[in-house]
């Protein structure tokens, strides 16, 4: 591998709103985000749904070059984006030539599997409150920024609705109630959350009576 910095060799910039690839397309490249955020979405019978919103340091698109199958989701730049764009041959050389990269890849893939299982659990909840709060907690763990007073999460109500499989109106209703009880607070284009453990405990507290009565 050349000693030339990766950014100068593989770096590319994309404007906000650009679709980097679409579900069903063949995939020849993977992306590593340097600046900006990307929405990963998928079409279900009920409509398009956001699977994740990812930011700097995250990678995506690798499965298509690992298994030579079409893209399983759509990736869209939410804001001005700069990313490394790496083809399959280069990616293979990087993994084979650097054990640290291989370990990071395995660790992140394992984390994604855990995340997928967590979102399946969220979608299984009948109570919209539980879906929204657990969705906030999970997204906060994965993409939130630790700040004084909690976790700042730059996810819109629309994206959250897509993540948890609810109408936007339902999500707004739950968020309004959470703001009224001061569990979450609006913060710019997102939300200021308590630590995810508090959100999980809040859901457990209001679900417990129903479980005990059953």
C-alpha atoms as a PDB file:
ATOM      1  CA  UNK A   1       0.000   0.000   0.000  1.00  0.00           C
ATOM      2  CA  UNK A   2       1.222   3.526  -0.775  1.00  0.00           C
ATOM      3  CA  UNK A   3       2.249   5.781   2.111  1.00  0.00           C
ATOM      4  CA  UNK A   4       0.200   8.575   0.578  1.00  0.00           C
ATOM      5  CA  UNK A   5      -2.515   9.701   3.059  1.00  0.00           C
ATOM      6  CA  UNK A   6      -5.761   7.800   2.582  1.00  0.00           C
ATOM      7  CA  UNK A   7      -7.759  11.026   2.407  1.00  0.00           C
ATOM      8  CA  UNK A   8      -5.855  12.310  -0.610  1.00  0.00           C
ATOM      9  CA  UNK A   9      -6.017   8.940  -2.367  1.00  0.00           C
ATOM     10  CA  UNK A  10      -9.602   7.942  -1.662  1.00  0.00           C
ATOM     11  CA  UNK A  11     -11.365  11.023  -0.276  1.00  0.00           C
ATOM     12  CA  UNK A  12     -14.460  12.355  -2.058  1.00  0.00           C
ATOM     13  CA  UNK A  13     -17.015  15.024  -1.212  1.00  0.00           C
ATOM     14  CA  UNK A  14     -20.787  14.775  -1.697  1.00  0.00           C
ATOM     15  CA  UNK A  15     -23.494  17.442  -1.291  1.00  0.00           C
ATOM     16  CA  UNK A  16     -26.372  17.128   1.154  1.00  0.00           C
ATOM     17  CA  UNK A  17     -29.183  15.056  -0.317  1.00  0.00           C
ATOM     18  CA  UNK A  18     -27.048  13.041  -2.717  1.00  0.00           C
ATOM     19  CA  UNK A  19     -27.895   9.338  -2.901  1.00  0.00           C
ATOM     20  CA  UNK A  20     -24.635   7.417  -2.653  1.00  0.00           C
ATOM     21  CA  UNK A  21     -26.229   4.132  -3.660  1.00  0.00           C
ATOM     22  CA  UNK A  22     -29.694   2.617  -3.828  1.00  0.00           C
ATOM     23  CA  UNK A  23     -31.118  -0.623  -2.530  1.00  0.00           C
ATOM     24  CA  UNK A  24     -30.885  -3.347  -5.180  1.00  0.00           C
ATOM     25  CA  UNK A  25     -27.967  -1.820  -7.093  1.00  0.00           C
ATOM     26  CA  UNK A  26     -24.714  -3.751  -7.542  1.00  0.00           C
ATOM     27  CA  UNK A  27     -22.018  -2.547  -5.176  1.00  0.00           C
ATOM     28  CA  UNK A  28     -18.345  -2.072  -5.989  1.00  0.00           C
ATOM     29  CA  UNK A  29     -17.276   0.319  -3.210  1.00  0.00           C
ATOM     30  CA  UNK A  30     -17.521   0.918   0.526  1.00  0.00           C
ATOM     31  CA  UNK A  31     -17.466   4.262   2.313  1.00  0.00           C
ATOM     32  CA  UNK A  32     -15.790   5.536   5.493  1.00  0.00           C
ATOM     33  CA  UNK A  33     -17.262   8.800   6.786  1.00  0.00           C
ATOM     34  CA  UNK A  34     -14.809  11.551   7.695  1.00  0.00           C
ATOM     35  CA  UNK A  35     -17.244  14.439   8.108  1.00  0.00           C
ATOM     36  CA  UNK A  36     -21.027  14.644   7.782  1.00  0.00           C
ATOM     37  CA  UNK A  37     -23.862  12.172   8.350  1.00  0.00           C
ATOM     38  CA  UNK A  38     -25.527   9.515   6.211  1.00  0.00           C
ATOM     39  CA  UNK A  39     -29.012   8.029   6.408  1.00  0.00           C
ATOM     40  CA  UNK A  40     -29.284   4.307   5.740  1.00  0.00           C
ATOM     41  CA  UNK A  41     -32.826   3.338   4.681  1.00  0.00           C
ATOM     42  CA  UNK A  42     -34.702   0.357   3.326  1.00  0.00           C
ATOM     43  CA  UNK A  43     -38.051  -0.125   1.612  1.00  0.00           C
ATOM     44  CA  UNK A  44     -40.572  -2.334   3.421  1.00  0.00           C
ATOM     45  CA  UNK A  45     -44.177  -3.167   2.438  1.00  0.00           C
ATOM     46  CA  UNK A  46     -45.271  -0.312   4.705  1.00  0.00           C
ATOM     47  CA  UNK A  47     -42.901   2.142   3.011  1.00  0.00           C
ATOM     48  CA  UNK A  48     -39.320   3.355   3.272  1.00  0.00           C
ATOM     49  CA  UNK A  49     -37.844   3.182   6.768  1.00  0.00           C
ATOM     50  CA  UNK A  50     -34.656   4.637   8.224  1.00  0.00           C
ATOM     51  CA  UNK A  51     -32.405   1.912   9.604  1.00  0.00           C
ATOM     52  CA  UNK A  52     -29.676   4.172  10.929  1.00  0.00           C
ATOM     53  CA  UNK A  53     -28.139   7.622  10.846  1.00  0.00           C
ATOM     54  CA  UNK A  54     -24.348   7.345  10.994  1.00  0.00           C
ATOM     55  CA  UNK A  55     -21.550   9.861  11.338  1.00  0.00           C
ATOM     56  CA  UNK A  56     -17.763  10.334  11.334  1.00  0.00           C
ATOM     57  CA  UNK A  57     -15.708   7.189  11.838  1.00  0.00           C
ATOM     58  CA  UNK A  58     -18.494   4.866  10.694  1.00  0.00           C
ATOM     59  CA  UNK A  59     -18.290   2.797   7.528  1.00  0.00           C
ATOM     60  CA  UNK A  60     -21.021   1.427   5.297  1.00  0.00           C
ATOM     61  CA  UNK A  61     -21.532  -0.367   2.004  1.00  0.00           C
ATOM     62  CA  UNK A  62     -19.019  -3.085   2.805  1.00  0.00           C
ATOM     63  CA  UNK A  63     -21.453  -6.019   2.602  1.00  0.00           C
ATOM     64  CA  UNK A  64     -21.946  -5.632  -1.152  1.00  0.00           C
ATOM     65  CA  UNK A  65     -18.219  -6.042  -1.794  1.00  0.00           C
ATOM     66  CA  UNK A  66     -17.830  -8.803   0.816  1.00  0.00           C
ATOM     67  CA  UNK A  67     -20.573 -11.037  -0.574  1.00  0.00           C
ATOM     68  CA  UNK A  68     -20.820  -9.725  -4.184  1.00  0.00           C
ATOM     69  CA  UNK A  69     -24.584  -9.219  -3.815  1.00  0.00           C
ATOM     70  CA  UNK A  70     -26.763  -6.152  -4.539  1.00  0.00           C
ATOM     71  CA  UNK A  71     -27.043  -3.346  -2.027  1.00  0.00           C
ATOM     72  CA  UNK A  72     -29.457  -4.210   0.778  1.00  0.00           C
ATOM     73  CA  UNK A  73     -30.262  -0.579   1.631  1.00  0.00           C
ATOM     74  CA  UNK A  74     -30.078   2.990   0.315  1.00  0.00           C
ATOM     75  CA  UNK A  75     -27.480   5.498   1.582  1.00  0.00           C
ATOM     76  CA  UNK A  76     -28.196   9.245   1.407  1.00  0.00           C
ATOM     77  CA  UNK A  77     -26.021  12.152   2.561  1.00  0.00           C
ATOM     78  CA  UNK A  78     -27.963  14.113   5.176  1.00  0.00           C
ATOM     79  CA  UNK A  79     -25.491  16.999   5.022  1.00  0.00           C
ATOM     80  CA  UNK A  80     -22.307  17.907   3.193  1.00  0.00           C
ATOM     81  CA  UNK A  81     -20.253  14.731   3.357  1.00  0.00           C
ATOM     82  CA  UNK A  82     -16.593  13.822   2.981  1.00  0.00           C
ATOM     83  CA  UNK A  83     -15.802  10.126   2.890  1.00  0.00           C
ATOM     84  CA  UNK A  84     -13.182   7.642   1.832  1.00  0.00           C
ATOM     85  CA  UNK A  85     -14.467   5.597  -1.117  1.00  0.00           C
ATOM     86  CA  UNK A  86     -12.689   2.247  -1.240  1.00  0.00           C
ATOM     87  CA  UNK A  87     -13.106  -0.448  -3.887  1.00  0.00           C
ATOM     88  CA  UNK A  88     -13.137  -4.162  -3.181  1.00  0.00           C
ATOM     89  CA  UNK A  89      -9.553  -4.874  -4.197  1.00  0.00           C
ATOM     90  CA  UNK A  90      -8.174  -2.059  -2.047  1.00  0.00           C
ATOM     91  CA  UNK A  91     -10.351  -3.099   0.886  1.00  0.00           C
ATOM     92  CA  UNK A  92      -9.115  -6.709   0.661  1.00  0.00           C
ATOM     93  CA  UNK A  93      -5.493  -5.541   0.575  1.00  0.00           C
ATOM     94  CA  UNK A  94      -6.072  -3.304   3.599  1.00  0.00           C
ATOM     95  CA  UNK A  95      -7.646  -6.125   5.641  1.00  0.00           C
ATOM     96  CA  UNK A  96      -4.998  -8.708   4.672  1.00  0.00           C
ATOM     97  CA  UNK A  97      -2.131  -6.287   5.252  1.00  0.00           C
ATOM     98  CA  UNK A  98      -3.270  -4.772   8.552  1.00  0.00           C
ATOM     99  CA  UNK A  99      -4.527  -6.934  11.413  1.00  0.00           C
ATOM    100  CA  UNK A 100      -5.839  -3.878  13.271  1.00  0.00           C
ATOM    101  CA  UNK A 101      -8.179  -3.014  10.388  1.00  0.00           C
ATOM    102  CA  UNK A 102      -9.434  -6.616  10.320  1.00  0.00           C
ATOM    103  CA  UNK A 103     -10.152  -6.562  14.060  1.00  0.00           C
ATOM    104  CA  UNK A 104     -11.972  -3.229  13.774  1.00  0.00           C
ATOM    105  CA  UNK A 105     -14.080  -4.612  10.943  1.00  0.00           C
ATOM    106  CA  UNK A 106     -15.067  -7.694  12.952  1.00  0.00           C
ATOM    107  CA  UNK A 107     -15.853  -5.562  16.011  1.00  0.00           C
ATOM    108  CA  UNK A 108     -18.071  -3.180  14.060  1.00  0.00           C
ATOM    109  CA  UNK A 109     -19.895  -5.969  12.253  1.00  0.00           C
ATOM    110  CA  UNK A 110     -20.612  -7.619  15.606  1.00  0.00           C
ATOM    111  CA  UNK A 111     -21.902  -4.295  16.932  1.00  0.00           C
ATOM    112  CA  UNK A 112     -24.182  -3.960  13.916  1.00  0.00           C
ATOM    113  CA  UNK A 113     -25.626  -7.425  14.533  1.00  0.00           C
ATOM    114  CA  UNK A 114     -26.342  -6.440  18.132  1.00  0.00           C
ATOM    115  CA  UNK A 115     -27.935  -3.216  16.907  1.00  0.00           C
ATOM    116  CA  UNK A 116     -30.134  -5.075  14.419  1.00  0.00           C
ATOM    117  CA  UNK A 117     -31.385  -7.368  17.185  1.00  0.00           C
ATOM    118  CA  UNK A 118     -32.097  -4.344  19.384  1.00  0.00           C
ATOM    119  CA  UNK A 119     -34.203  -2.686  16.677  1.00  0.00           C
ATOM    120  CA  UNK A 120     -36.131  -5.922  16.128  1.00  0.00           C
ATOM    121  CA  UNK A 121     -36.981  -5.823  19.836  1.00  0.00           C
ATOM    122  CA  UNK A 122     -38.091  -2.190  19.530  1.00  0.00           C
ATOM    123  CA  UNK A 123     -40.366  -2.959  16.580  1.00  0.00           C
ATOM    124  CA  UNK A 124     -41.966  -5.791  18.557  1.00  0.00           C
ATOM    125  CA  UNK A 125     -43.290  -3.349  21.194  1.00  0.00           C
ATOM    126  CA  UNK A 126     -46.968  -2.465  20.840  1.00  0.00           C
ATOM    127  CA  UNK A 127     -46.798   0.703  22.952  1.00  0.00           C
ATOM    128  CA  UNK A 128     -45.710   3.747  20.863  1.00  0.00           C
ATOM    129  CA  UNK A 129     -44.134   5.288  23.965  1.00  0.00           C
ATOM    130  CA  UNK A 130     -41.855   2.287  24.390  1.00  0.00           C
ATOM    131  CA  UNK A 131     -40.870   2.333  20.728  1.00  0.00           C
ATOM    132  CA  UNK A 132     -39.963   6.018  20.743  1.00  0.00           C
ATOM    133  CA  UNK A 133     -38.086   5.969  24.053  1.00  0.00           C
ATOM    134  CA  UNK A 134     -36.187   2.794  23.227  1.00  0.00           C
ATOM    135  CA  UNK A 135     -35.437   4.172  19.763  1.00  0.00           C
ATOM    136  CA  UNK A 136     -33.991   7.314  21.334  1.00  0.00           C
ATOM    137  CA  UNK A 137     -31.956   5.271  23.801  1.00  0.00           C
ATOM    138  CA  UNK A 138     -30.551   2.989  21.135  1.00  0.00           C
ATOM    139  CA  UNK A 139     -29.746   5.818  18.733  1.00  0.00           C
ATOM    140  CA  UNK A 140     -28.183   7.758  21.607  1.00  0.00           C
ATOM    141  CA  UNK A 141     -25.889   4.837  22.395  1.00  0.00           C
ATOM    142  CA  UNK A 142     -24.815   4.476  18.786  1.00  0.00           C
ATOM    143  CA  UNK A 143     -24.710   8.014  17.414  1.00  0.00           C
ATOM    144  CA  UNK A 144     -25.148  10.390  20.337  1.00  0.00           C
ATOM    145  CA  UNK A 145     -22.593  12.968  21.438  1.00  0.00           C
ATOM    146  CA  UNK A 146     -21.761  13.034  25.145  1.00  0.00           C
ATOM    147  CA  UNK A 147     -22.223  16.593  26.454  1.00  0.00           C
ATOM    148  CA  UNK A 148     -22.789  18.265  29.813  1.00  0.00           C
ATOM    149  CA  UNK A 149     -26.201  17.184  31.020  1.00  0.00           C
ATOM    150  CA  UNK A 150     -26.610  14.079  28.877  1.00  0.00           C
ATOM    151  CA  UNK A 151     -26.412  12.957  25.267  1.00  0.00           C
ATOM    152  CA  UNK A 152     -27.075  15.141  22.228  1.00  0.00           C
ATOM    153  CA  UNK A 153     -28.737  13.206  19.415  1.00  0.00           C
ATOM    154  CA  UNK A 154     -29.011  14.805  15.958  1.00  0.00           C
ATOM    155  CA  UNK A 155     -31.991  12.776  14.692  1.00  0.00           C
ATOM    156  CA  UNK A 156     -35.202  14.328  13.385  1.00  0.00           C
ATOM    157  CA  UNK A 157     -38.686  13.201  14.389  1.00  0.00           C
ATOM    158  CA  UNK A 158     -39.186  11.994  10.804  1.00  0.00           C
ATOM    159  CA  UNK A 159     -36.082   9.797  10.950  1.00  0.00           C
ATOM    160  CA  UNK A 160     -37.045   8.507  14.388  1.00  0.00           C
ATOM    161  CA  UNK A 161     -40.527   7.632  13.110  1.00  0.00           C
ATOM    162  CA  UNK A 162     -38.967   5.658  10.291  1.00  0.00           C
ATOM    163  CA  UNK A 163     -36.590   3.849  12.660  1.00  0.00           C
ATOM    164  CA  UNK A 164     -39.319   2.696  15.048  1.00  0.00           C
ATOM    165  CA  UNK A 165     -42.071   2.041  12.513  1.00  0.00           C
ATOM    166  CA  UNK A 166     -44.576   4.697  13.611  1.00  0.00           C
ATOM    167  CA  UNK A 167     -46.385   7.594  11.971  1.00  0.00           C
ATOM    168  CA  UNK A 168     -44.626  10.921  12.360  1.00  0.00           C
ATOM    169  CA  UNK A 169     -47.678  12.284  14.201  1.00  0.00           C
ATOM    170  CA  UNK A 170     -47.410   9.492  16.790  1.00  0.00           C
ATOM    171  CA  UNK A 171     -43.728  10.212  17.314  1.00  0.00           C
ATOM    172  CA  UNK A 172     -44.368  13.943  17.713  1.00  0.00           C
ATOM    173  CA  UNK A 173     -47.084  13.177  20.273  1.00  0.00           C
ATOM    174  CA  UNK A 174     -44.756  10.987  22.340  1.00  0.00           C
ATOM    175  CA  UNK A 175     -41.875  13.469  22.068  1.00  0.00           C
ATOM    176  CA  UNK A 176     -44.162  16.292  23.210  1.00  0.00           C
ATOM    177  CA  UNK A 177     -45.068  14.276  26.302  1.00  0.00           C
ATOM    178  CA  UNK A 178     -41.423  13.460  26.994  1.00  0.00           C
ATOM    179  CA  UNK A 179     -40.561  17.149  26.765  1.00  0.00           C
ATOM    180  CA  UNK A 180     -43.412  18.039  29.136  1.00  0.00           C
ATOM    181  CA  UNK A 181     -42.151  15.603  31.768  1.00  0.00           C
ATOM    182  CA  UNK A 182     -38.592  16.868  31.121  1.00  0.00           C
ATOM    183  CA  UNK A 183     -37.219  13.489  30.167  1.00  0.00           C
ATOM    184  CA  UNK A 184     -35.859  14.908  26.891  1.00  0.00           C
ATOM    185  CA  UNK A 185     -35.278  18.433  25.632  1.00  0.00           C
ATOM    186  CA  UNK A 186     -35.136  19.901  22.110  1.00  0.00           C
ATOM    187  CA  UNK A 187     -31.552  20.743  21.132  1.00  0.00           C
ATOM    188  CA  UNK A 188     -31.137  22.449  17.783  1.00  0.00           C
ATOM    189  CA  UNK A 189     -32.091  19.950  15.083  1.00  0.00           C
ATOM    190  CA  UNK A 190     -32.159  17.063  17.553  1.00  0.00           C
ATOM    191  CA  UNK A 191     -32.631  16.183  21.198  1.00  0.00           C
ATOM    192  CA  UNK A 192     -30.821  16.297  24.513  1.00  0.00           C
ATOM    193  CA  UNK A 193     -31.322  12.952  26.234  1.00  0.00           C
ATOM    194  CA  UNK A 194     -30.403  11.597  29.640  1.00  0.00           C
ATOM    195  CA  UNK A 195     -28.027   8.655  29.689  1.00  0.00           C
ATOM    196  CA  UNK A 196     -29.563   5.701  27.771  1.00  0.00           C
ATOM    197  CA  UNK A 197     -29.753   3.667  30.996  1.00  0.00           C
ATOM    198  CA  UNK A 198     -32.289   6.177  32.357  1.00  0.00           C
ATOM    199  CA  UNK A 199     -34.429   5.814  29.249  1.00  0.00           C
ATOM    200  CA  UNK A 200     -34.370   2.026  29.513  1.00  0.00           C
ATOM    201  CA  UNK A 201     -35.331   2.287  33.184  1.00  0.00           C
ATOM    202  CA  UNK A 202     -38.192   4.658  32.334  1.00  0.00           C
ATOM    203  CA  UNK A 203     -39.657   2.155  29.868  1.00  0.00           C
ATOM    204  CA  UNK A 204     -39.234  -0.694  32.336  1.00  0.00           C
ATOM    205  CA  UNK A 205     -41.052   1.324  34.993  1.00  0.00           C
ATOM    206  CA  UNK A 206     -44.202   1.987  32.940  1.00  0.00           C
ATOM    207  CA  UNK A 207     -44.242  -1.492  31.375  1.00  0.00           C
ATOM    208  CA  UNK A 208     -43.875  -3.322  34.693  1.00  0.00           C
ATOM    209  CA  UNK A 209     -47.483  -2.849  35.937  1.00  0.00           C
ATOM    210  CA  UNK A 210     -48.854  -4.263  32.688  1.00  0.00           C
ATOM    211  CA  UNK A 211     -46.552  -7.259  32.988  1.00  0.00           C
ATOM    212  CA  UNK A 212     -47.535  -7.842  36.630  1.00  0.00           C
ATOM    213  CA  UNK A 213     -51.258  -7.664  35.826  1.00  0.00           C
ATOM    214  CA  UNK A 214     -50.973 -10.189  33.006  1.00  0.00           C
END
